[in-house]
């Protein structure tokens, strides 16, 4: 059974993920939609860093991937 795009063609679809069951189901639906519409799928997860924790554990501070200037 061939799928057809149920929407106006969107080139890109952004899916925010939070690790929840609902988010995982939304991802599955987004994958089906992206396949049907020949769209690129982008996933986004945001990680909050508590500044107070970074003071207590400085080893958790992100380090640059290359020496400056990058």
C-alpha atoms as a PDB file:
ATOM      1  CA  UNK A   1       0.000   0.000   0.000  1.00  0.00           C
ATOM      2  CA  UNK A   2       1.561   3.262  -1.137  1.00  0.00           C
ATOM      3  CA  UNK A   3       1.350   6.195   1.220  1.00  0.00           C
ATOM      4  CA  UNK A   4       0.481   9.641  -0.021  1.00  0.00           C
ATOM      5  CA  UNK A   5       1.398  12.881   1.686  1.00  0.00           C
ATOM      6  CA  UNK A   6      -1.673  14.081   3.649  1.00  0.00           C
ATOM      7  CA  UNK A   7      -0.288  17.615   3.832  1.00  0.00           C
ATOM      8  CA  UNK A   8       1.036  20.260   1.578  1.00  0.00           C
ATOM      9  CA  UNK A   9       4.602  19.137   0.847  1.00  0.00           C
ATOM     10  CA  UNK A  10       6.936  20.135   3.659  1.00  0.00           C
ATOM     11  CA  UNK A  11      10.640  19.721   2.984  1.00  0.00           C
ATOM     12  CA  UNK A  12      11.591  19.571   6.679  1.00  0.00           C
ATOM     13  CA  UNK A  13       9.855  18.214   9.772  1.00  0.00           C
ATOM     14  CA  UNK A  14      11.171  19.040  13.249  1.00  0.00           C
ATOM     15  CA  UNK A  15      10.329  16.601  16.062  1.00  0.00           C
ATOM     16  CA  UNK A  16      11.041  17.636  19.668  1.00  0.00           C
ATOM     17  CA  UNK A  17      11.783  14.641  21.898  1.00  0.00           C
ATOM     18  CA  UNK A  18      11.588  14.425  25.683  1.00  0.00           C
ATOM     19  CA  UNK A  19      11.947  10.681  26.226  1.00  0.00           C
ATOM     20  CA  UNK A  20       8.278  10.188  27.115  1.00  0.00           C
ATOM     21  CA  UNK A  21       6.002   7.497  25.710  1.00  0.00           C
ATOM     22  CA  UNK A  22       3.949  10.206  24.017  1.00  0.00           C
ATOM     23  CA  UNK A  23       7.102  11.640  22.432  1.00  0.00           C
ATOM     24  CA  UNK A  24       8.130   8.215  21.152  1.00  0.00           C
ATOM     25  CA  UNK A  25       4.702   7.725  19.571  1.00  0.00           C
ATOM     26  CA  UNK A  26       4.937  11.171  17.997  1.00  0.00           C
ATOM     27  CA  UNK A  27       8.333  10.210  16.565  1.00  0.00           C
ATOM     28  CA  UNK A  28       6.888   7.062  14.997  1.00  0.00           C
ATOM     29  CA  UNK A  29       4.125   9.132  13.393  1.00  0.00           C
ATOM     30  CA  UNK A  30       6.641  11.735  12.199  1.00  0.00           C
ATOM     31  CA  UNK A  31       8.733   8.991  10.570  1.00  0.00           C
ATOM     32  CA  UNK A  32       5.679   7.737   8.668  1.00  0.00           C
ATOM     33  CA  UNK A  33       4.786  11.291   7.630  1.00  0.00           C
ATOM     34  CA  UNK A  34       8.341  12.077   6.503  1.00  0.00           C
ATOM     35  CA  UNK A  35       8.422   8.903   4.412  1.00  0.00           C
ATOM     36  CA  UNK A  36       5.057   9.641   2.831  1.00  0.00           C
ATOM     37  CA  UNK A  37       6.022  13.245   2.044  1.00  0.00           C
ATOM     38  CA  UNK A  38       9.682  12.580   1.141  1.00  0.00           C
ATOM     39  CA  UNK A  39      10.648  15.098   3.842  1.00  0.00           C
ATOM     40  CA  UNK A  40      13.803  15.457   5.891  1.00  0.00           C
ATOM     41  CA  UNK A  41      13.273  14.638   9.542  1.00  0.00           C
ATOM     42  CA  UNK A  42      15.120  16.569  12.250  1.00  0.00           C
ATOM     43  CA  UNK A  43      15.087  15.475  15.896  1.00  0.00           C
ATOM     44  CA  UNK A  44      15.595  17.896  18.773  1.00  0.00           C
ATOM     45  CA  UNK A  45      16.326  17.143  22.413  1.00  0.00           C
ATOM     46  CA  UNK A  46      17.076  19.963  24.827  1.00  0.00           C
ATOM     47  CA  UNK A  47      19.149  19.259  27.918  1.00  0.00           C
ATOM     48  CA  UNK A  48      18.914  21.759  30.743  1.00  0.00           C
ATOM     49  CA  UNK A  49      22.126  22.343  32.681  1.00  0.00           C
ATOM     50  CA  UNK A  50      21.623  23.661  36.180  1.00  0.00           C
ATOM     51  CA  UNK A  51      24.277  26.357  36.812  1.00  0.00           C
ATOM     52  CA  UNK A  52      24.330  25.489  40.520  1.00  0.00           C
ATOM     53  CA  UNK A  53      25.305  21.919  39.710  1.00  0.00           C
ATOM     54  CA  UNK A  54      28.138  23.111  37.475  1.00  0.00           C
ATOM     55  CA  UNK A  55      29.591  25.064  40.417  1.00  0.00           C
ATOM     56  CA  UNK A  56      29.540  21.919  42.549  1.00  0.00           C
ATOM     57  CA  UNK A  57      30.800  19.632  39.763  1.00  0.00           C
ATOM     58  CA  UNK A  58      33.032  21.665  37.412  1.00  0.00           C
ATOM     59  CA  UNK A  59      33.961  18.513  35.472  1.00  0.00           C
ATOM     60  CA  UNK A  60      30.448  18.630  33.992  1.00  0.00           C
ATOM     61  CA  UNK A  61      31.193  21.929  32.266  1.00  0.00           C
ATOM     62  CA  UNK A  62      31.125  21.463  28.472  1.00  0.00           C
ATOM     63  CA  UNK A  63      34.515  21.699  26.853  1.00  0.00           C
ATOM     64  CA  UNK A  64      35.189  23.104  23.389  1.00  0.00           C
ATOM     65  CA  UNK A  65      35.758  20.479  20.714  1.00  0.00           C
ATOM     66  CA  UNK A  66      38.750  22.287  19.237  1.00  0.00           C
ATOM     67  CA  UNK A  67      41.230  24.845  20.529  1.00  0.00           C
ATOM     68  CA  UNK A  68      40.248  28.500  19.972  1.00  0.00           C
ATOM     69  CA  UNK A  69      39.693  29.947  17.538  1.00  0.00           C
ATOM     70  CA  UNK A  70      37.332  27.327  16.163  1.00  0.00           C
END
